[in-house]
Amino acid sequence: MKVHIKEEGGRRFTIPLPAGLALRFMGFAAGRRGEAGREIKAVMRGLKQAKKVWGHLAVVEIKDKDGDEVVITL
């Protein structure tokens, strides 16, 4: 999983985040939530399958009218 950030001035940087670590953290947090936790775990399974099928899938893509961009990919 990667977070790509592009600022208006042209500065770009990428924050690599291991998808397994992020999904594991979400799983631990979801484990204590009861019914909502089961739904979050189902979403996590779907994200893992999507990563296997499509690879670099853009999950979140935000573009500001000022020129700032944030893209989160699997």
Protein backbone atom coordinates (compact mmCIF):
# COMPACT_ATOMS: atom_id res chain seq x y z
CA MET A 1 0.00 0.00 0.00
CA LYS A 2 1.39 3.43 -0.89
CA VAL A 3 0.30 6.97 -0.15
CA HIS A 4 1.30 9.40 -2.92
CA ILE A 5 1.15 13.11 -2.09
CA LYS A 6 1.69 15.90 -4.61
CA GLU A 7 1.66 19.50 -3.44
CA GLU A 8 0.74 22.55 -5.48
CA GLY A 9 4.35 23.73 -5.70
CA GLY A 10 5.36 20.51 -7.42
CA ARG A 11 6.80 18.72 -4.40
CA ARG A 12 5.97 15.02 -4.42
CA PHE A 13 6.58 12.30 -1.93
CA THR A 14 5.48 8.72 -1.38
CA ILE A 15 4.93 6.92 1.89
CA PRO A 16 5.24 3.15 1.47
CA LEU A 17 3.11 1.21 3.93
CA PRO A 18 3.15 -2.59 3.95
CA ALA A 19 -0.42 -3.65 3.17
CA GLY A 20 -0.18 -6.65 5.47
CA LEU A 21 0.78 -4.44 8.38
CA ALA A 22 -2.01 -1.95 7.71
CA LEU A 23 -4.62 -4.69 7.31
CA ARG A 24 -3.37 -6.49 10.43
CA PHE A 25 -3.68 -3.27 12.45
CA MET A 26 -7.23 -2.81 11.16
CA GLY A 27 -7.98 -6.42 12.04
CA PHE A 28 -6.79 -6.00 15.62
CA ALA A 29 -8.86 -2.85 15.99
CA ALA A 30 -11.88 -4.56 14.44
CA GLY A 31 -11.59 -7.59 16.70
CA ARG A 32 -12.85 -5.58 19.63
CA ARG A 33 -15.84 -4.07 17.83
CA GLY A 34 -18.33 -6.96 17.69
CA GLU A 35 -20.63 -6.87 14.65
CA ALA A 36 -18.79 -3.94 13.05
CA GLY A 37 -15.56 -5.88 13.48
CA ARG A 38 -16.87 -8.74 11.35
CA GLU A 39 -17.81 -6.30 8.61
CA ILE A 40 -14.37 -4.70 8.69
CA LYS A 41 -12.74 -8.11 8.47
CA ALA A 42 -14.90 -8.91 5.41
CA VAL A 43 -13.76 -5.66 3.78
CA MET A 44 -10.14 -6.57 4.55
CA ARG A 45 -10.55 -9.95 2.86
CA GLY A 46 -11.99 -8.19 -0.18
CA LEU A 47 -9.05 -5.78 -0.30
CA LYS A 48 -6.57 -8.65 -0.16
CA GLN A 49 -8.33 -10.40 -3.06
CA ALA A 50 -8.45 -7.14 -5.06
CA LYS A 51 -4.71 -6.67 -4.59
CA LYS A 52 -4.08 -10.18 -5.93
CA VAL A 53 -6.27 -9.58 -8.98
CA TRP A 54 -5.52 -5.95 -9.94
CA GLY A 55 -2.21 -5.17 -8.24
CA HIS A 56 -1.89 -1.37 -7.98
CA LEU A 57 -5.53 -0.48 -7.43
CA ALA A 58 -6.24 3.15 -6.46
CA VAL A 59 -8.40 3.00 -3.33
CA VAL A 60 -8.61 6.74 -2.62
CA GLU A 61 -7.93 9.53 -5.11
CA ILE A 62 -8.34 13.13 -3.95
CA LYS A 63 -7.61 16.16 -6.14
CA ASP A 64 -7.94 19.65 -4.70
CA LYS A 65 -8.78 22.60 -6.94
CA ASP A 66 -5.54 24.24 -5.72
CA GLY A 67 -3.51 21.45 -7.34
CA ASP A 68 -2.85 19.23 -4.33
CA GLU A 69 -3.33 15.50 -4.82
CA VAL A 70 -3.45 12.45 -2.53
CA VAL A 71 -3.66 8.93 -3.97
CA ILE A 72 -3.72 5.74 -1.88
CA THR A 73 -3.02 2.57 -3.86
CA LEU A 74 -2.94 -1.08 -2.88
